[in-house]
């Protein structure tokens, strides 16, 4: 009888060797921690099926990408289920799966419209039927932009996964607001924001995608002011400054909220995720209970009550509007890819 847990472990290790030229201790430890969690929760089968589908789709030339919190998993990255490096972009596995979570959250995979029926047929042949848990979780939905990118790859003769993420022509075009036809950034409002923000790195696109939603969109002008150093935001604690550096002092991502709870008050990342959910409910009695825990944790790490309370108030202000960074990074990658194609080949 096949030991699926060993199969998953071996496939992950082989995948890491392909993904990373140098498998550091951080990469190794992250993979081991994730594997232990996945196996303990009994999610091995789901990962193996998704990995097999990704392999089959790749062999058939069918674009496939996971579009949710899955991108926070280095195991999913090693298996080819996602194409975003969670180490490089500071994505958190605990935003996706924790030991307290007993229902599999799904992969939320998008596949090209042209290839979706073939992929579903493959799953049906392999499993006898499409598994139920693949269908509320909205698995394997068609996404037209993947067809657009694939068609461009075939016509031009490039591999979209190998393009540089620091292409000057691409960022100059976006900084001029010329984003018509760029996935996720087509609106006139976003064209205006791009002109003002002058994004010059991929991380800027992740942030702008995350902010381009009702609620957080109100923070875009202040975000731009801070990025352009007109009104830079700084906080009286180096740890929070470090966490918020990539977003110019603003809490943009749910993962940043989790990291603040972890670094400032000693929560585990899983506890930080639960605290994030508590603040998101915006119920005063729950928030005040969380405040007391946060202040105690911060005090244990040597922070004054005054400074800790200021940081907690910041969390209360921004957490309800914070966006899933793993999701934003995945979609921002498709935005960048379509922008790159437009800037260099249109």
C-alpha atoms as a PDB file:
ATOM      1  CA  UNK A   1       0.000   0.000   0.000  1.00  0.00           C
ATOM      2  CA  UNK A   2       1.321   3.427  -0.962  1.00  0.00           C
ATOM      3  CA  UNK A   3       2.304   5.694   1.933  1.00  0.00           C
ATOM      4  CA  UNK A   4       0.856   8.988   0.677  1.00  0.00           C
ATOM      5  CA  UNK A   5       2.569  11.009   3.390  1.00  0.00           C
ATOM      6  CA  UNK A   6       5.984   9.783   2.229  1.00  0.00           C
ATOM      7  CA  UNK A   7       5.035  10.449  -1.382  1.00  0.00           C
ATOM      8  CA  UNK A   8       4.073  14.030  -0.536  1.00  0.00           C
ATOM      9  CA  UNK A   9       7.286  14.551   1.433  1.00  0.00           C
ATOM     10  CA  UNK A  10       9.470  13.186  -1.373  1.00  0.00           C
ATOM     11  CA  UNK A  11       7.694  15.191  -4.070  1.00  0.00           C
ATOM     12  CA  UNK A  12       8.059  18.339  -1.972  1.00  0.00           C
ATOM     13  CA  UNK A  13      11.794  17.815  -1.477  1.00  0.00           C
ATOM     14  CA  UNK A  14      12.307  17.222  -5.205  1.00  0.00           C
ATOM     15  CA  UNK A  15      10.233  20.286  -5.990  1.00  0.00           C
ATOM     16  CA  UNK A  16      12.281  22.457  -3.653  1.00  0.00           C
ATOM     17  CA  UNK A  17      15.440  21.414  -5.504  1.00  0.00           C
ATOM     18  CA  UNK A  18      13.897  22.703  -8.734  1.00  0.00           C
ATOM     19  CA  UNK A  19      12.574  25.916  -7.203  1.00  0.00           C
ATOM     20  CA  UNK A  20      15.637  26.965  -5.200  1.00  0.00           C
ATOM     21  CA  UNK A  21      19.257  27.029  -6.309  1.00  0.00           C
ATOM     22  CA  UNK A  22      20.182  26.962  -2.629  1.00  0.00           C
ATOM     23  CA  UNK A  23      17.906  25.239  -0.121  1.00  0.00           C
ATOM     24  CA  UNK A  24      18.578  27.307   2.980  1.00  0.00           C
ATOM     25  CA  UNK A  25      17.748  26.343   6.542  1.00  0.00           C
ATOM     26  CA  UNK A  26      14.762  28.710   6.356  1.00  0.00           C
ATOM     27  CA  UNK A  27      13.399  26.917   3.293  1.00  0.00           C
ATOM     28  CA  UNK A  28      14.003  23.485   4.809  1.00  0.00           C
ATOM     29  CA  UNK A  29      12.423  24.379   8.142  1.00  0.00           C
ATOM     30  CA  UNK A  30       9.404  25.996   6.492  1.00  0.00           C
ATOM     31  CA  UNK A  31       8.794  22.944   4.315  1.00  0.00           C
ATOM     32  CA  UNK A  32       9.140  20.552   7.240  1.00  0.00           C
ATOM     33  CA  UNK A  33       6.736  22.572   9.384  1.00  0.00           C
ATOM     34  CA  UNK A  34       4.144  22.737   6.610  1.00  0.00           C
ATOM     35  CA  UNK A  35       4.420  19.039   5.822  1.00  0.00           C
ATOM     36  CA  UNK A  36       3.946  18.115   9.477  1.00  0.00           C
ATOM     37  CA  UNK A  37       0.846  20.310   9.658  1.00  0.00           C
ATOM     38  CA  UNK A  38      -0.647  19.043   6.386  1.00  0.00           C
ATOM     39  CA  UNK A  39      -0.065  15.411   7.347  1.00  0.00           C
ATOM     40  CA  UNK A  40      -1.393  15.821  10.883  1.00  0.00           C
ATOM     41  CA  UNK A  41      -4.604  17.402   9.578  1.00  0.00           C
ATOM     42  CA  UNK A  42      -5.078  14.672   6.981  1.00  0.00           C
ATOM     43  CA  UNK A  43      -4.814  16.969   3.954  1.00  0.00           C
ATOM     44  CA  UNK A  44      -2.168  14.895   2.146  1.00  0.00           C
ATOM     45  CA  UNK A  45      -4.564  13.500  -0.461  1.00  0.00           C
ATOM     46  CA  UNK A  46      -5.806  16.936  -1.492  1.00  0.00           C
ATOM     47  CA  UNK A  47      -2.257  18.186  -2.047  1.00  0.00           C
ATOM     48  CA  UNK A  48      -1.293  15.105  -4.057  1.00  0.00           C
ATOM     49  CA  UNK A  49      -4.355  15.383  -6.299  1.00  0.00           C
ATOM     50  CA  UNK A  50      -3.775  19.097  -6.911  1.00  0.00           C
ATOM     51  CA  UNK A  51      -0.081  18.428  -7.647  1.00  0.00           C
ATOM     52  CA  UNK A  52      -0.999  15.691 -10.115  1.00  0.00           C
ATOM     53  CA  UNK A  53      -3.468  18.014 -11.841  1.00  0.00           C
ATOM     54  CA  UNK A  54      -0.842  20.758 -12.035  1.00  0.00           C
ATOM     55  CA  UNK A  55       1.664  18.313 -13.556  1.00  0.00           C
ATOM     56  CA  UNK A  56      -0.868  17.032 -16.086  1.00  0.00           C
ATOM     57  CA  UNK A  57      -2.013  20.531 -17.027  1.00  0.00           C
ATOM     58  CA  UNK A  58       1.583  21.667 -17.481  1.00  0.00           C
ATOM     59  CA  UNK A  59       2.327  18.705 -19.750  1.00  0.00           C
ATOM     60  CA  UNK A  60      -0.735  19.587 -21.855  1.00  0.00           C
ATOM     61  CA  UNK A  61       0.178  23.269 -22.058  1.00  0.00           C
ATOM     62  CA  UNK A  62      -2.846  24.282 -19.988  1.00  0.00           C
ATOM     63  CA  UNK A  63      -2.191  27.320 -17.732  1.00  0.00           C
ATOM     64  CA  UNK A  64      -3.233  26.789 -14.127  1.00  0.00           C
ATOM     65  CA  UNK A  65      -2.754  28.962 -11.061  1.00  0.00           C
ATOM     66  CA  UNK A  66      -3.936  28.947  -7.466  1.00  0.00           C
ATOM     67  CA  UNK A  67      -5.431  32.334  -6.664  1.00  0.00           C
ATOM     68  CA  UNK A  68      -5.922  32.408  -2.915  1.00  0.00           C
ATOM     69  CA  UNK A  69      -4.117  31.951   0.365  1.00  0.00           C
ATOM     70  CA  UNK A  70      -2.567  28.776  -1.085  1.00  0.00           C
ATOM     71  CA  UNK A  71       0.309  30.944  -2.301  1.00  0.00           C
ATOM     72  CA  UNK A  72       1.412  31.136   1.335  1.00  0.00           C
ATOM     73  CA  UNK A  73       2.409  27.464   1.197  1.00  0.00           C
ATOM     74  CA  UNK A  74       5.945  26.474   0.259  1.00  0.00           C
ATOM     75  CA  UNK A  75       4.695  22.906  -0.226  1.00  0.00           C
ATOM     76  CA  UNK A  76       2.216  24.134  -2.854  1.00  0.00           C
ATOM     77  CA  UNK A  77       5.043  26.144  -4.450  1.00  0.00           C
ATOM     78  CA  UNK A  78       7.332  23.089  -4.529  1.00  0.00           C
ATOM     79  CA  UNK A  79       4.558  20.971  -6.077  1.00  0.00           C
ATOM     80  CA  UNK A  80       3.806  23.504  -8.824  1.00  0.00           C
ATOM     81  CA  UNK A  81       0.331  24.310  -7.504  1.00  0.00           C
ATOM     82  CA  UNK A  82       1.414  27.945  -7.110  1.00  0.00           C
ATOM     83  CA  UNK A  83       4.149  30.009  -8.766  1.00  0.00           C
ATOM     84  CA  UNK A  84       4.741  32.650  -6.090  1.00  0.00           C
ATOM     85  CA  UNK A  85       7.747  32.163  -3.803  1.00  0.00           C
ATOM     86  CA  UNK A  86       6.311  32.524  -0.263  1.00  0.00           C
ATOM     87  CA  UNK A  87       9.765  33.081   1.242  1.00  0.00           C
ATOM     88  CA  UNK A  88      10.697  35.906  -1.129  1.00  0.00           C
ATOM     89  CA  UNK A  89       7.381  37.704  -0.735  1.00  0.00           C
ATOM     90  CA  UNK A  90       6.850  37.058   2.992  1.00  0.00           C
ATOM     91  CA  UNK A  91       3.658  35.052   2.609  1.00  0.00           C
ATOM     92  CA  UNK A  92       2.453  33.127   5.650  1.00  0.00           C
ATOM     93  CA  UNK A  93       1.339  29.494   5.694  1.00  0.00           C
ATOM     94  CA  UNK A  94      -0.728  30.209   8.819  1.00  0.00           C
ATOM     95  CA  UNK A  95      -2.984  32.486   6.767  1.00  0.00           C
ATOM     96  CA  UNK A  96      -3.856  29.341   4.805  1.00  0.00           C
ATOM     97  CA  UNK A  97      -3.733  26.382   7.209  1.00  0.00           C
ATOM     98  CA  UNK A  98      -3.255  26.017  10.964  1.00  0.00           C
ATOM     99  CA  UNK A  99      -3.530  23.046  13.304  1.00  0.00           C
ATOM    100  CA  UNK A 100      -6.706  24.591  14.738  1.00  0.00           C
ATOM    101  CA  UNK A 101      -8.309  24.311  11.307  1.00  0.00           C
ATOM    102  CA  UNK A 102      -9.984  20.982  10.595  1.00  0.00           C
ATOM    103  CA  UNK A 103     -11.737  21.762   7.311  1.00  0.00           C
ATOM    104  CA  UNK A 104      -9.566  21.891   4.211  1.00  0.00           C
ATOM    105  CA  UNK A 105      -9.690  25.461   2.839  1.00  0.00           C
ATOM    106  CA  UNK A 106      -9.314  24.416  -0.799  1.00  0.00           C
ATOM    107  CA  UNK A 107      -6.872  25.577  -3.465  1.00  0.00           C
ATOM    108  CA  UNK A 108      -9.152  27.968  -5.409  1.00  0.00           C
ATOM    109  CA  UNK A 109      -7.437  27.196  -8.684  1.00  0.00           C
ATOM    110  CA  UNK A 110      -8.040  29.066 -11.910  1.00  0.00           C
ATOM    111  CA  UNK A 111      -7.392  27.367 -15.232  1.00  0.00           C
ATOM    112  CA  UNK A 112      -7.543  28.642 -18.788  1.00  0.00           C
ATOM    113  CA  UNK A 113     -11.029  28.661 -20.292  1.00  0.00           C
ATOM    114  CA  UNK A 114      -9.777  26.636 -23.248  1.00  0.00           C
ATOM    115  CA  UNK A 115      -8.305  23.909 -21.059  1.00  0.00           C
ATOM    116  CA  UNK A 116     -10.804  23.684 -18.209  1.00  0.00           C
ATOM    117  CA  UNK A 117     -13.049  20.982 -19.693  1.00  0.00           C
ATOM    118  CA  UNK A 118     -10.035  18.806 -20.505  1.00  0.00           C
ATOM    119  CA  UNK A 119      -8.733  19.165 -16.957  1.00  0.00           C
ATOM    120  CA  UNK A 120     -12.113  18.319 -15.403  1.00  0.00           C
ATOM    121  CA  UNK A 121     -12.314  15.278 -17.687  1.00  0.00           C
ATOM    122  CA  UNK A 122      -8.858  14.211 -16.499  1.00  0.00           C
ATOM    123  CA  UNK A 123      -9.889  14.523 -12.845  1.00  0.00           C
ATOM    124  CA  UNK A 124     -13.055  12.529 -13.575  1.00  0.00           C
ATOM    125  CA  UNK A 125     -11.072   9.743 -15.251  1.00  0.00           C
ATOM    126  CA  UNK A 126      -8.604   9.659 -12.385  1.00  0.00           C
ATOM    127  CA  UNK A 127     -11.070   9.832  -9.496  1.00  0.00           C
ATOM    128  CA  UNK A 128     -14.228   8.427 -11.018  1.00  0.00           C
ATOM    129  CA  UNK A 129     -15.906  11.791 -10.378  1.00  0.00           C
ATOM    130  CA  UNK A 130     -14.853  15.317  -9.505  1.00  0.00           C
ATOM    131  CA  UNK A 131     -14.423  15.286  -5.699  1.00  0.00           C
ATOM    132  CA  UNK A 132     -17.118  17.236  -3.841  1.00  0.00           C
ATOM    133  CA  UNK A 133     -14.598  19.318  -1.923  1.00  0.00           C
ATOM    134  CA  UNK A 134     -13.187  20.558  -5.248  1.00  0.00           C
ATOM    135  CA  UNK A 135     -16.710  21.858  -6.304  1.00  0.00           C
ATOM    136  CA  UNK A 136     -18.167  25.353  -2.849  1.00  0.00           C
ATOM    137  CA  UNK A 137     -14.539  25.746  -2.648  1.00  0.00           C
ATOM    138  CA  UNK A 138     -14.996  26.851  -6.316  1.00  0.00           C
ATOM    139  CA  UNK A 139     -12.077  24.783  -7.584  1.00  0.00           C
ATOM    140  CA  UNK A 140     -10.829  24.926 -11.168  1.00  0.00           C
ATOM    141  CA  UNK A 141     -12.709  27.943 -12.464  1.00  0.00           C
ATOM    142  CA  UNK A 142     -11.930  29.255 -15.912  1.00  0.00           C
ATOM    143  CA  UNK A 143      -9.993  32.546 -16.130  1.00  0.00           C
ATOM    144  CA  UNK A 144      -9.774  34.205 -19.520  1.00  0.00           C
ATOM    145  CA  UNK A 145      -6.576  36.148 -18.830  1.00  0.00           C
ATOM    146  CA  UNK A 146      -4.713  32.825 -18.638  1.00  0.00           C
ATOM    147  CA  UNK A 147      -5.793  32.125 -22.226  1.00  0.00           C
ATOM    148  CA  UNK A 148      -4.609  35.587 -23.239  1.00  0.00           C
ATOM    149  CA  UNK A 149      -1.186  35.051 -21.664  1.00  0.00           C
ATOM    150  CA  UNK A 150      -0.889  31.541 -23.135  1.00  0.00           C
ATOM    151  CA  UNK A 151      -1.789  32.751 -26.637  1.00  0.00           C
ATOM    152  CA  UNK A 152       0.824  35.497 -26.360  1.00  0.00           C
ATOM    153  CA  UNK A 153       3.448  32.999 -25.191  1.00  0.00           C
ATOM    154  CA  UNK A 154       2.770  30.755 -28.178  1.00  0.00           C
ATOM    155  CA  UNK A 155       2.747  33.615 -30.659  1.00  0.00           C
ATOM    156  CA  UNK A 156       5.867  35.360 -29.366  1.00  0.00           C
ATOM    157  CA  UNK A 157       7.779  32.285 -28.294  1.00  0.00           C
ATOM    158  CA  UNK A 158       8.536  33.121 -24.654  1.00  0.00           C
ATOM    159  CA  UNK A 159       8.044  31.439 -21.292  1.00  0.00           C
ATOM    160  CA  UNK A 160       6.070  33.899 -19.169  1.00  0.00           C
ATOM    161  CA  UNK A 161       7.429  32.381 -15.953  1.00  0.00           C
ATOM    162  CA  UNK A 162      10.971  33.420 -16.887  1.00  0.00           C
ATOM    163  CA  UNK A 163      10.404  37.110 -17.634  1.00  0.00           C
ATOM    164  CA  UNK A 164      12.260  39.619 -15.418  1.00  0.00           C
ATOM    165  CA  UNK A 165      10.154  41.215 -12.690  1.00  0.00           C
ATOM    166  CA  UNK A 166      12.083  44.498 -12.855  1.00  0.00           C
ATOM    167  CA  UNK A 167      11.515  45.427 -16.509  1.00  0.00           C
ATOM    168  CA  UNK A 168      11.897  49.197 -16.863  1.00  0.00           C
ATOM    169  CA  UNK A 169       9.670  49.461 -19.945  1.00  0.00           C
ATOM    170  CA  UNK A 170       6.856  47.788 -18.025  1.00  0.00           C
ATOM    171  CA  UNK A 171       7.079  50.061 -15.005  1.00  0.00           C
ATOM    172  CA  UNK A 172       7.496  53.187 -17.131  1.00  0.00           C
ATOM    173  CA  UNK A 173       4.341  52.276 -19.041  1.00  0.00           C
ATOM    174  CA  UNK A 174       2.400  51.648 -15.840  1.00  0.00           C
ATOM    175  CA  UNK A 175       3.751  54.850 -14.253  1.00  0.00           C
ATOM    176  CA  UNK A 176       2.331  56.734 -17.228  1.00  0.00           C
ATOM    177  CA  UNK A 177      -1.078  55.272 -16.458  1.00  0.00           C
ATOM    178  CA  UNK A 178      -1.098  53.255 -19.679  1.00  0.00           C
ATOM    179  CA  UNK A 179      -2.798  50.200 -18.191  1.00  0.00           C
ATOM    180  CA  UNK A 180      -5.660  49.601 -20.623  1.00  0.00           C
ATOM    181  CA  UNK A 181      -5.740  45.855 -21.181  1.00  0.00           C
ATOM    182  CA  UNK A 182      -3.596  45.160 -18.107  1.00  0.00           C
ATOM    183  CA  UNK A 183      -5.359  42.567 -15.981  1.00  0.00           C
ATOM    184  CA  UNK A 184      -6.780  44.036 -12.775  1.00  0.00           C
ATOM    185  CA  UNK A 185      -5.536  47.578 -13.485  1.00  0.00           C
ATOM    186  CA  UNK A 186      -7.768  48.570 -16.403  1.00  0.00           C
ATOM    187  CA  UNK A 187     -10.090  51.054 -14.675  1.00  0.00           C
ATOM    188  CA  UNK A 188      -9.716  54.797 -15.191  1.00  0.00           C
ATOM    189  CA  UNK A 189      -9.388  55.217 -11.429  1.00  0.00           C
ATOM    190  CA  UNK A 190      -6.492  52.775 -11.261  1.00  0.00           C
ATOM    191  CA  UNK A 191      -4.837  54.457 -14.242  1.00  0.00           C
ATOM    192  CA  UNK A 192      -4.909  57.690 -12.245  1.00  0.00           C
ATOM    193  CA  UNK A 193      -3.449  55.975  -9.173  1.00  0.00           C
ATOM    194  CA  UNK A 194      -0.668  54.435 -11.270  1.00  0.00           C
ATOM    195  CA  UNK A 195       0.309  57.868 -12.597  1.00  0.00           C
ATOM    196  CA  UNK A 196       0.519  59.216  -9.054  1.00  0.00           C
ATOM    197  CA  UNK A 197       2.168  56.195  -7.434  1.00  0.00           C
ATOM    198  CA  UNK A 198       4.830  55.549 -10.121  1.00  0.00           C
ATOM    199  CA  UNK A 199       5.281  51.875  -9.166  1.00  0.00           C
ATOM    200  CA  UNK A 200       8.871  50.777  -9.675  1.00  0.00           C
ATOM    201  CA  UNK A 201       8.907  47.247  -8.262  1.00  0.00           C
ATOM    202  CA  UNK A 202       6.670  44.209  -8.228  1.00  0.00           C
ATOM    203  CA  UNK A 203       5.871  44.696  -4.531  1.00  0.00           C
ATOM    204  CA  UNK A 204       4.241  48.049  -5.407  1.00  0.00           C
ATOM    205  CA  UNK A 205       1.853  46.245  -7.752  1.00  0.00           C
ATOM    206  CA  UNK A 206       0.927  43.758  -5.038  1.00  0.00           C
ATOM    207  CA  UNK A 207       0.077  46.636  -2.698  1.00  0.00           C
ATOM    208  CA  UNK A 208      -1.892  48.573  -5.314  1.00  0.00           C
ATOM    209  CA  UNK A 209      -3.894  45.470  -6.216  1.00  0.00           C
ATOM    210  CA  UNK A 210      -4.669  44.887  -2.525  1.00  0.00           C
ATOM    211  CA  UNK A 211      -5.690  48.506  -2.005  1.00  0.00           C
ATOM    212  CA  UNK A 212      -7.868  48.591  -5.120  1.00  0.00           C
ATOM    213  CA  UNK A 213     -10.966  47.348  -3.293  1.00  0.00           C
ATOM    214  CA  UNK A 214     -13.840  49.076  -1.451  1.00  0.00           C
ATOM    215  CA  UNK A 215     -12.653  50.243   1.963  1.00  0.00           C
ATOM    216  CA  UNK A 216      -8.863  50.090   1.544  1.00  0.00           C
ATOM    217  CA  UNK A 217      -9.140  52.167  -1.642  1.00  0.00           C
ATOM    218  CA  UNK A 218      -9.678  55.227   0.561  1.00  0.00           C
ATOM    219  CA  UNK A 219      -6.084  54.809   1.773  1.00  0.00           C
ATOM    220  CA  UNK A 220      -4.514  54.943  -1.689  1.00  0.00           C
ATOM    221  CA  UNK A 221      -3.868  58.741  -1.733  1.00  0.00           C
ATOM    222  CA  UNK A 222      -2.118  58.585   1.665  1.00  0.00           C
ATOM    223  CA  UNK A 223      -0.229  55.469   0.559  1.00  0.00           C
ATOM    224  CA  UNK A 224       0.984  57.348  -2.509  1.00  0.00           C
ATOM    225  CA  UNK A 225       2.027  60.363  -0.419  1.00  0.00           C
ATOM    226  CA  UNK A 226       4.085  58.103   1.798  1.00  0.00           C
ATOM    227  CA  UNK A 227       5.642  56.240  -1.138  1.00  0.00           C
ATOM    228  CA  UNK A 228       6.594  59.508  -2.819  1.00  0.00           C
ATOM    229  CA  UNK A 229       8.049  60.700   0.516  1.00  0.00           C
ATOM    230  CA  UNK A 230       5.708  63.655   0.796  1.00  0.00           C
ATOM    231  CA  UNK A 231       4.236  62.411   4.079  1.00  0.00           C
ATOM    232  CA  UNK A 232       6.225  59.337   5.114  1.00  0.00           C
ATOM    233  CA  UNK A 233       4.842  57.305   7.999  1.00  0.00           C
ATOM    234  CA  UNK A 234       7.114  56.151  10.807  1.00  0.00           C
ATOM    235  CA  UNK A 235       6.368  54.426  14.084  1.00  0.00           C
ATOM    236  CA  UNK A 236       8.276  54.522  17.381  1.00  0.00           C
ATOM    237  CA  UNK A 237       9.208  50.845  17.212  1.00  0.00           C
ATOM    238  CA  UNK A 238      11.736  49.371  14.805  1.00  0.00           C
ATOM    239  CA  UNK A 239       9.897  46.042  14.590  1.00  0.00           C
ATOM    240  CA  UNK A 240       6.690  47.541  13.218  1.00  0.00           C
ATOM    241  CA  UNK A 241       8.690  49.814  10.908  1.00  0.00           C
ATOM    242  CA  UNK A 242      10.358  46.698   9.497  1.00  0.00           C
ATOM    243  CA  UNK A 243       7.041  44.910   8.970  1.00  0.00           C
ATOM    244  CA  UNK A 244       5.464  47.896   7.210  1.00  0.00           C
ATOM    245  CA  UNK A 245       8.511  49.042   5.217  1.00  0.00           C
ATOM    246  CA  UNK A 246       7.402  47.445   1.939  1.00  0.00           C
ATOM    247  CA  UNK A 247       4.045  49.250   2.123  1.00  0.00           C
ATOM    248  CA  UNK A 248       5.548  52.596   3.159  1.00  0.00           C
ATOM    249  CA  UNK A 249       4.205  52.500   6.709  1.00  0.00           C
ATOM    250  CA  UNK A 250       0.665  51.339   5.960  1.00  0.00           C
ATOM    251  CA  UNK A 251      -0.998  48.139   7.091  1.00  0.00           C
ATOM    252  CA  UNK A 252      -2.181  46.746   3.757  1.00  0.00           C
ATOM    253  CA  UNK A 253      -2.098  42.984   4.262  1.00  0.00           C
ATOM    254  CA  UNK A 254      -3.678  40.530   6.664  1.00  0.00           C
ATOM    255  CA  UNK A 255      -0.266  38.869   6.877  1.00  0.00           C
ATOM    256  CA  UNK A 256       1.200  42.131   8.237  1.00  0.00           C
ATOM    257  CA  UNK A 257      -1.436  42.130  10.968  1.00  0.00           C
ATOM    258  CA  UNK A 258      -0.484  38.571  11.897  1.00  0.00           C
ATOM    259  CA  UNK A 259       3.214  39.480  11.909  1.00  0.00           C
ATOM    260  CA  UNK A 260       2.628  42.482  14.181  1.00  0.00           C
ATOM    261  CA  UNK A 261       0.784  40.334  16.722  1.00  0.00           C
ATOM    262  CA  UNK A 262       3.659  37.856  16.520  1.00  0.00           C
ATOM    263  CA  UNK A 263       6.602  40.266  16.687  1.00  0.00           C
ATOM    264  CA  UNK A 264       5.204  42.868  19.074  1.00  0.00           C
ATOM    265  CA  UNK A 265       3.168  40.756  21.496  1.00  0.00           C
ATOM    266  CA  UNK A 266       4.570  37.249  21.185  1.00  0.00           C
ATOM    267  CA  UNK A 267       1.543  35.583  19.594  1.00  0.00           C
ATOM    268  CA  UNK A 268       2.149  32.558  17.411  1.00  0.00           C
ATOM    269  CA  UNK A 269       1.335  33.294  13.773  1.00  0.00           C
ATOM    270  CA  UNK A 270      -1.720  31.055  14.095  1.00  0.00           C
ATOM    271  CA  UNK A 271      -2.840  33.042  17.151  1.00  0.00           C
ATOM    272  CA  UNK A 272      -2.149  36.226  15.209  1.00  0.00           C
ATOM    273  CA  UNK A 273      -4.483  35.016  12.485  1.00  0.00           C
ATOM    274  CA  UNK A 274      -7.231  34.364  15.027  1.00  0.00           C
ATOM    275  CA  UNK A 275      -6.661  37.801  16.561  1.00  0.00           C
ATOM    276  CA  UNK A 276      -6.895  39.313  13.082  1.00  0.00           C
ATOM    277  CA  UNK A 277     -10.305  37.707  12.680  1.00  0.00           C
ATOM    278  CA  UNK A 278     -11.376  39.016  16.077  1.00  0.00           C
ATOM    279  CA  UNK A 279     -10.515  42.604  15.169  1.00  0.00           C
ATOM    280  CA  UNK A 280     -12.203  42.182  11.799  1.00  0.00           C
ATOM    281  CA  UNK A 281     -15.534  41.469  13.519  1.00  0.00           C
ATOM    282  CA  UNK A 282     -15.421  45.005  15.000  1.00  0.00           C
ATOM    283  CA  UNK A 283     -17.189  43.971  18.224  1.00  0.00           C
ATOM    284  CA  UNK A 284     -16.094  46.167  21.113  1.00  0.00           C
ATOM    285  CA  UNK A 285     -16.179  43.510  23.845  1.00  0.00           C
ATOM    286  CA  UNK A 286     -14.057  41.104  21.786  1.00  0.00           C
ATOM    287  CA  UNK A 287     -11.619  43.846  20.799  1.00  0.00           C
ATOM    288  CA  UNK A 288     -11.106  44.914  24.417  1.00  0.00           C
ATOM    289  CA  UNK A 289     -10.356  41.337  25.478  1.00  0.00           C
ATOM    290  CA  UNK A 290      -7.815  41.122  22.671  1.00  0.00           C
ATOM    291  CA  UNK A 291      -6.331  44.486  23.680  1.00  0.00           C
ATOM    292  CA  UNK A 292      -5.648  43.197  27.181  1.00  0.00           C
ATOM    293  CA  UNK A 293      -3.851  40.137  25.802  1.00  0.00           C
ATOM    294  CA  UNK A 294      -1.867  42.253  23.361  1.00  0.00           C
ATOM    295  CA  UNK A 295      -0.727  44.701  26.036  1.00  0.00           C
ATOM    296  CA  UNK A 296       0.339  41.853  28.317  1.00  0.00           C
ATOM    297  CA  UNK A 297       2.294  40.212  25.540  1.00  0.00           C
ATOM    298  CA  UNK A 298       3.960  43.457  24.501  1.00  0.00           C
ATOM    299  CA  UNK A 299       4.870  44.242  28.115  1.00  0.00           C
ATOM    300  CA  UNK A 300       6.523  40.826  28.415  1.00  0.00           C
ATOM    301  CA  UNK A 301       8.696  41.801  25.465  1.00  0.00           C
ATOM    302  CA  UNK A 302       9.655  45.104  27.112  1.00  0.00           C
ATOM    303  CA  UNK A 303       7.313  47.565  25.405  1.00  0.00           C
ATOM    304  CA  UNK A 304       5.586  50.334  27.292  1.00  0.00           C
ATOM    305  CA  UNK A 305       1.809  50.210  27.656  1.00  0.00           C
ATOM    306  CA  UNK A 306       1.584  53.586  25.893  1.00  0.00           C
ATOM    307  CA  UNK A 307       3.443  52.432  22.770  1.00  0.00           C
ATOM    308  CA  UNK A 308       1.716  49.040  22.711  1.00  0.00           C
ATOM    309  CA  UNK A 309      -1.713  50.659  22.943  1.00  0.00           C
ATOM    310  CA  UNK A 310      -0.862  53.012  20.053  1.00  0.00           C
ATOM    311  CA  UNK A 311       0.065  50.007  17.923  1.00  0.00           C
ATOM    312  CA  UNK A 312      -3.113  48.171  18.937  1.00  0.00           C
ATOM    313  CA  UNK A 313      -5.191  51.201  17.933  1.00  0.00           C
ATOM    314  CA  UNK A 314      -3.425  51.127  14.566  1.00  0.00           C
ATOM    315  CA  UNK A 315      -4.409  47.481  14.221  1.00  0.00           C
ATOM    316  CA  UNK A 316      -8.022  48.299  15.093  1.00  0.00           C
ATOM    317  CA  UNK A 317      -8.045  51.006  12.427  1.00  0.00           C
ATOM    318  CA  UNK A 318      -6.619  49.010   9.528  1.00  0.00           C
ATOM    319  CA  UNK A 319      -7.285  45.313  10.200  1.00  0.00           C
ATOM    320  CA  UNK A 320     -10.930  45.323   8.972  1.00  0.00           C
ATOM    321  CA  UNK A 321      -9.672  46.499   5.565  1.00  0.00           C
ATOM    322  CA  UNK A 322      -6.463  44.477   5.321  1.00  0.00           C
ATOM    323  CA  UNK A 323      -6.229  42.230   2.261  1.00  0.00           C
ATOM    324  CA  UNK A 324      -4.921  38.694   1.798  1.00  0.00           C
ATOM    325  CA  UNK A 325      -1.383  39.230   0.471  1.00  0.00           C
ATOM    326  CA  UNK A 326      -1.129  35.734  -1.017  1.00  0.00           C
ATOM    327  CA  UNK A 327      -4.205  36.448  -3.133  1.00  0.00           C
ATOM    328  CA  UNK A 328      -2.939  39.903  -4.083  1.00  0.00           C
ATOM    329  CA  UNK A 329       0.498  38.578  -5.062  1.00  0.00           C
ATOM    330  CA  UNK A 330      -1.002  35.909  -7.326  1.00  0.00           C
ATOM    331  CA  UNK A 331      -3.222  38.378  -9.163  1.00  0.00           C
ATOM    332  CA  UNK A 332      -0.543  41.068  -9.277  1.00  0.00           C
ATOM    333  CA  UNK A 333       1.705  38.551 -11.035  1.00  0.00           C
ATOM    334  CA  UNK A 334      -0.877  38.143 -13.792  1.00  0.00           C
ATOM    335  CA  UNK A 335      -1.204  41.929 -13.906  1.00  0.00           C
ATOM    336  CA  UNK A 336       2.554  42.297 -14.322  1.00  0.00           C
ATOM    337  CA  UNK A 337       2.692  39.570 -16.964  1.00  0.00           C
ATOM    338  CA  UNK A 338       0.023  41.228 -19.107  1.00  0.00           C
ATOM    339  CA  UNK A 339       1.711  44.609 -18.596  1.00  0.00           C
ATOM    340  CA  UNK A 340       5.075  43.132 -19.642  1.00  0.00           C
ATOM    341  CA  UNK A 341       3.553  41.680 -22.790  1.00  0.00           C
ATOM    342  CA  UNK A 342       1.928  44.993 -23.637  1.00  0.00           C
ATOM    343  CA  UNK A 343       5.052  47.058 -22.960  1.00  0.00           C
ATOM    344  CA  UNK A 344       7.410  44.825 -24.889  1.00  0.00           C
ATOM    345  CA  UNK A 345       5.390  43.166 -27.657  1.00  0.00           C
ATOM    346  CA  UNK A 346       2.272  45.185 -28.471  1.00  0.00           C
END
